[in-house]
Amino acid sequence: MTSPVAIQELKVLVQLHRIFWRYIAACDLLLCGMDDLAFLLSVARVVCEALTEATERFWCYKGILELFHSSLELVGP
């Protein structure tokens, strides 16, 4: 069994994603949204358990969150 991923690694992944969205991908804070730290850390934990390379982790994490956002757009208020 592999050792659990350190919480610091998860927080780094979450922070990288927030930086990517806020400063590179979108200027609108509503698009970068995702302020639920528990959700973000849960997704990060799954990604970090499955992948070992930092770049793979980032792009996979980004893709999963984009998929989540796209699905929410299909649901009306």
N, C-alpha and C. Protein backbone atom coordinates (compact mmCIF):
# COMPACT_ATOMS: atom_id res chain seq x y z
N MET A 1 0.84 -1.18 0.00
CA MET A 1 0.00 0.00 0.00
C MET A 1 0.89 1.25 0.00
N THR A 2 0.50 2.24 -0.77
CA THR A 2 1.30 3.47 -0.83
C THR A 2 0.99 4.36 0.36
N SER A 3 1.96 5.19 0.69
CA SER A 3 1.77 6.09 1.82
C SER A 3 0.81 7.21 1.41
N PRO A 4 0.04 7.71 2.37
CA PRO A 4 -0.89 8.79 2.03
C PRO A 4 -0.16 10.05 1.59
N VAL A 5 -0.78 10.78 0.72
CA VAL A 5 -0.20 12.01 0.22
C VAL A 5 -0.26 13.07 1.32
N ALA A 6 0.82 13.80 1.47
CA ALA A 6 0.87 14.85 2.48
C ALA A 6 -0.12 15.96 2.15
N ILE A 7 -0.76 16.49 3.18
CA ILE A 7 -1.74 17.56 2.98
C ILE A 7 -1.10 18.75 2.28
N GLN A 8 0.18 18.98 2.51
CA GLN A 8 0.87 20.10 1.86
C GLN A 8 0.89 19.91 0.35
N GLU A 9 1.08 18.68 -0.12
CA GLU A 9 1.07 18.42 -1.56
C GLU A 9 -0.31 18.74 -2.15
N LEU A 10 -1.35 18.40 -1.41
CA LEU A 10 -2.71 18.67 -1.87
C LEU A 10 -2.96 20.18 -1.94
N LYS A 11 -2.51 20.89 -0.92
CA LYS A 11 -2.71 22.34 -0.90
C LYS A 11 -1.94 23.03 -2.02
N VAL A 12 -0.76 22.52 -2.34
CA VAL A 12 0.02 23.08 -3.45
C VAL A 12 -0.75 22.92 -4.76
N LEU A 13 -1.33 21.75 -4.97
CA LEU A 13 -2.09 21.50 -6.19
C LEU A 13 -3.30 22.43 -6.27
N VAL A 14 -4.01 22.60 -5.16
CA VAL A 14 -5.16 23.50 -5.13
C VAL A 14 -4.71 24.93 -5.44
N GLN A 15 -3.63 25.37 -4.83
CA GLN A 15 -3.12 26.73 -5.04
C GLN A 15 -2.69 26.95 -6.49
N LEU A 16 -2.01 25.97 -7.08
CA LEU A 16 -1.61 26.09 -8.49
C LEU A 16 -2.82 26.25 -9.39
N HIS A 17 -3.86 25.47 -9.11
CA HIS A 17 -5.06 25.56 -9.93
C HIS A 17 -5.72 26.93 -9.78
N ARG A 18 -5.79 27.44 -8.57
CA ARG A 18 -6.39 28.77 -8.36
C ARG A 18 -5.59 29.84 -9.08
N ILE A 19 -4.29 29.76 -9.02
CA ILE A 19 -3.44 30.73 -9.72
C ILE A 19 -3.66 30.64 -11.22
N PHE A 20 -3.70 29.41 -11.74
CA PHE A 20 -3.92 29.21 -13.17
C PHE A 20 -5.22 29.88 -13.60
N TRP A 21 -6.32 29.63 -12.89
CA TRP A 21 -7.60 30.19 -13.29
C TRP A 21 -7.67 31.69 -13.12
N ARG A 22 -7.19 32.19 -12.01
CA ARG A 22 -7.34 33.62 -11.73
C ARG A 22 -6.45 34.49 -12.60
N TYR A 23 -5.26 34.02 -12.90
CA TYR A 23 -4.31 34.89 -13.58
C TYR A 23 -4.02 34.50 -15.03
N ILE A 24 -4.39 33.31 -15.43
CA ILE A 24 -4.08 32.87 -16.79
C ILE A 24 -5.35 32.59 -17.59
N ALA A 25 -6.24 31.78 -17.07
CA ALA A 25 -7.37 31.30 -17.87
C ALA A 25 -8.59 32.21 -17.84
N ALA A 26 -8.85 32.86 -16.73
CA ALA A 26 -10.08 33.65 -16.63
C ALA A 26 -9.87 34.85 -15.74
N CYS A 27 -10.47 35.94 -16.12
CA CYS A 27 -10.40 37.14 -15.28
C CYS A 27 -11.63 37.26 -14.38
N ASP A 28 -12.71 36.64 -14.75
CA ASP A 28 -13.95 36.73 -14.00
C ASP A 28 -13.90 35.80 -12.80
N LEU A 29 -14.05 36.38 -11.61
CA LEU A 29 -13.99 35.57 -10.39
C LEU A 29 -15.08 34.50 -10.35
N LEU A 30 -16.21 34.73 -11.02
CA LEU A 30 -17.24 33.71 -11.04
C LEU A 30 -16.78 32.47 -11.79
N LEU A 31 -15.93 32.67 -12.80
CA LEU A 31 -15.42 31.52 -13.54
C LEU A 31 -14.40 30.73 -12.73
N CYS A 32 -13.64 31.42 -11.90
CA CYS A 32 -12.63 30.70 -11.13
C CYS A 32 -13.21 30.09 -9.86
N GLY A 33 -14.25 30.65 -9.36
CA GLY A 33 -15.08 30.17 -8.27
C GLY A 33 -14.56 29.04 -7.41
N MET A 34 -15.16 28.01 -7.13
CA MET A 34 -14.64 26.86 -6.38
C MET A 34 -13.96 27.27 -5.08
N ASP A 35 -14.72 27.83 -4.16
CA ASP A 35 -14.16 28.24 -2.88
C ASP A 35 -14.33 27.17 -1.80
N ASP A 36 -14.88 26.03 -2.16
CA ASP A 36 -15.08 24.95 -1.19
C ASP A 36 -13.77 24.18 -1.05
N LEU A 37 -12.99 24.55 -0.05
CA LEU A 37 -11.67 23.94 0.14
C LEU A 37 -11.76 22.44 0.36
N ALA A 38 -12.78 21.98 1.06
CA ALA A 38 -12.93 20.54 1.30
C ALA A 38 -13.09 19.78 -0.02
N PHE A 39 -13.90 20.33 -0.94
CA PHE A 39 -14.08 19.71 -2.25
C PHE A 39 -12.78 19.71 -3.03
N LEU A 40 -12.11 20.86 -3.06
CA LEU A 40 -10.86 20.97 -3.81
C LEU A 40 -9.80 20.02 -3.28
N LEU A 41 -9.70 19.90 -1.96
CA LEU A 41 -8.72 18.99 -1.37
C LEU A 41 -9.08 17.53 -1.64
N SER A 42 -10.37 17.22 -1.69
CA SER A 42 -10.80 15.85 -2.00
C SER A 42 -10.40 15.45 -3.41
N VAL A 43 -10.64 16.36 -4.36
CA VAL A 43 -10.23 16.09 -5.74
C VAL A 43 -8.71 15.98 -5.82
N ALA A 44 -8.01 16.87 -5.14
CA ALA A 44 -6.55 16.83 -5.14
C ALA A 44 -6.03 15.52 -4.57
N ARG A 45 -6.68 15.03 -3.52
CA ARG A 45 -6.24 13.77 -2.90
C ARG A 45 -6.35 12.61 -3.89
N VAL A 46 -7.47 12.55 -4.60
CA VAL A 46 -7.67 11.48 -5.58
C VAL A 46 -6.61 11.56 -6.67
N VAL A 47 -6.37 12.76 -7.18
CA VAL A 47 -5.38 12.95 -8.25
C VAL A 47 -3.98 12.59 -7.76
N CYS A 48 -3.63 13.03 -6.55
CA CYS A 48 -2.29 12.77 -6.03
C CYS A 48 -2.07 11.30 -5.70
N GLU A 49 -3.13 10.59 -5.34
CA GLU A 49 -3.00 9.16 -5.09
C GLU A 49 -2.79 8.39 -6.39
N ALA A 50 -3.37 8.89 -7.48
CA ALA A 50 -3.30 8.18 -8.75
C ALA A 50 -2.07 8.53 -9.57
N LEU A 51 -1.57 9.75 -9.45
CA LEU A 51 -0.46 10.21 -10.28
C LEU A 51 0.70 10.67 -9.40
N THR A 52 1.92 10.52 -9.93
CA THR A 52 3.10 10.90 -9.14
C THR A 52 3.81 12.14 -9.66
N GLU A 53 3.71 12.41 -10.94
CA GLU A 53 4.41 13.56 -11.52
C GLU A 53 3.60 14.84 -11.31
N ALA A 54 4.27 15.91 -10.91
CA ALA A 54 3.59 17.17 -10.59
C ALA A 54 2.83 17.74 -11.79
N THR A 55 3.42 17.67 -12.98
CA THR A 55 2.73 18.23 -14.14
C THR A 55 1.50 17.41 -14.50
N GLU A 56 1.60 16.09 -14.41
CA GLU A 56 0.44 15.24 -14.67
C GLU A 56 -0.67 15.54 -13.66
N ARG A 57 -0.27 15.69 -12.41
CA ARG A 57 -1.24 15.99 -11.36
C ARG A 57 -1.99 17.28 -11.67
N PHE A 58 -1.23 18.32 -12.02
CA PHE A 58 -1.86 19.62 -12.27
C PHE A 58 -2.86 19.54 -13.41
N TRP A 59 -2.46 18.98 -14.55
CA TRP A 59 -3.34 18.97 -15.71
C TRP A 59 -4.53 18.04 -15.51
N CYS A 60 -4.35 16.96 -14.81
CA CYS A 60 -5.47 16.07 -14.50
C CYS A 60 -6.45 16.78 -13.56
N TYR A 61 -5.91 17.40 -12.52
CA TYR A 61 -6.73 18.14 -11.55
C TYR A 61 -7.52 19.24 -12.27
N LYS A 62 -6.85 19.98 -13.12
CA LYS A 62 -7.49 21.04 -13.90
C LYS A 62 -8.62 20.47 -14.75
N GLY A 63 -8.36 19.36 -15.41
CA GLY A 63 -9.36 18.74 -16.26
C GLY A 63 -10.59 18.27 -15.50
N ILE A 64 -10.37 17.67 -14.35
CA ILE A 64 -11.49 17.20 -13.53
C ILE A 64 -12.36 18.37 -13.08
N LEU A 65 -11.72 19.45 -12.62
CA LEU A 65 -12.49 20.60 -12.17
C LEU A 65 -13.22 21.29 -13.32
N GLU A 66 -12.61 21.32 -14.50
CA GLU A 66 -13.30 21.88 -15.67
C GLU A 66 -14.51 21.04 -16.03
N LEU A 67 -14.37 19.73 -15.95
CA LEU A 67 -15.48 18.84 -16.22
C LEU A 67 -16.61 19.09 -15.23
N PHE A 68 -16.26 19.27 -13.97
CA PHE A 68 -17.25 19.58 -12.95
C PHE A 68 -17.97 20.89 -13.26
N HIS A 69 -17.21 21.93 -13.61
CA HIS A 69 -17.81 23.23 -13.95
C HIS A 69 -18.72 23.11 -15.16
N SER A 70 -18.29 22.37 -16.17
CA SER A 70 -19.10 22.20 -17.39
C SER A 70 -20.41 21.52 -17.07
N SER A 71 -20.37 20.55 -16.18
CA SER A 71 -21.59 19.84 -15.79
C SER A 71 -22.54 20.76 -15.05
N LEU A 72 -22.00 21.65 -14.22
CA LEU A 72 -22.85 22.58 -13.48
C LEU A 72 -23.54 23.56 -14.41
N GLU A 73 -22.89 23.92 -15.51
CA GLU A 73 -23.49 24.86 -16.45
C GLU A 73 -24.74 24.28 -17.10
N LEU A 74 -24.84 22.95 -17.16
CA LEU A 74 -26.00 22.30 -17.76
C LEU A 74 -27.21 22.31 -16.83
N VAL A 75 -26.96 22.55 -15.55
CA VAL A 75 -28.03 22.54 -14.55
C VAL A 75 -28.50 23.97 -14.32
N GLY A 76 -29.77 24.18 -14.45
CA GLY A 76 -30.32 25.52 -14.22
C GLY A 76 -30.39 25.84 -12.73
N PRO A 77 -30.51 27.12 -12.41
CA PRO A 77 -30.61 27.51 -10.99
C PRO A 77 -31.91 27.07 -10.35
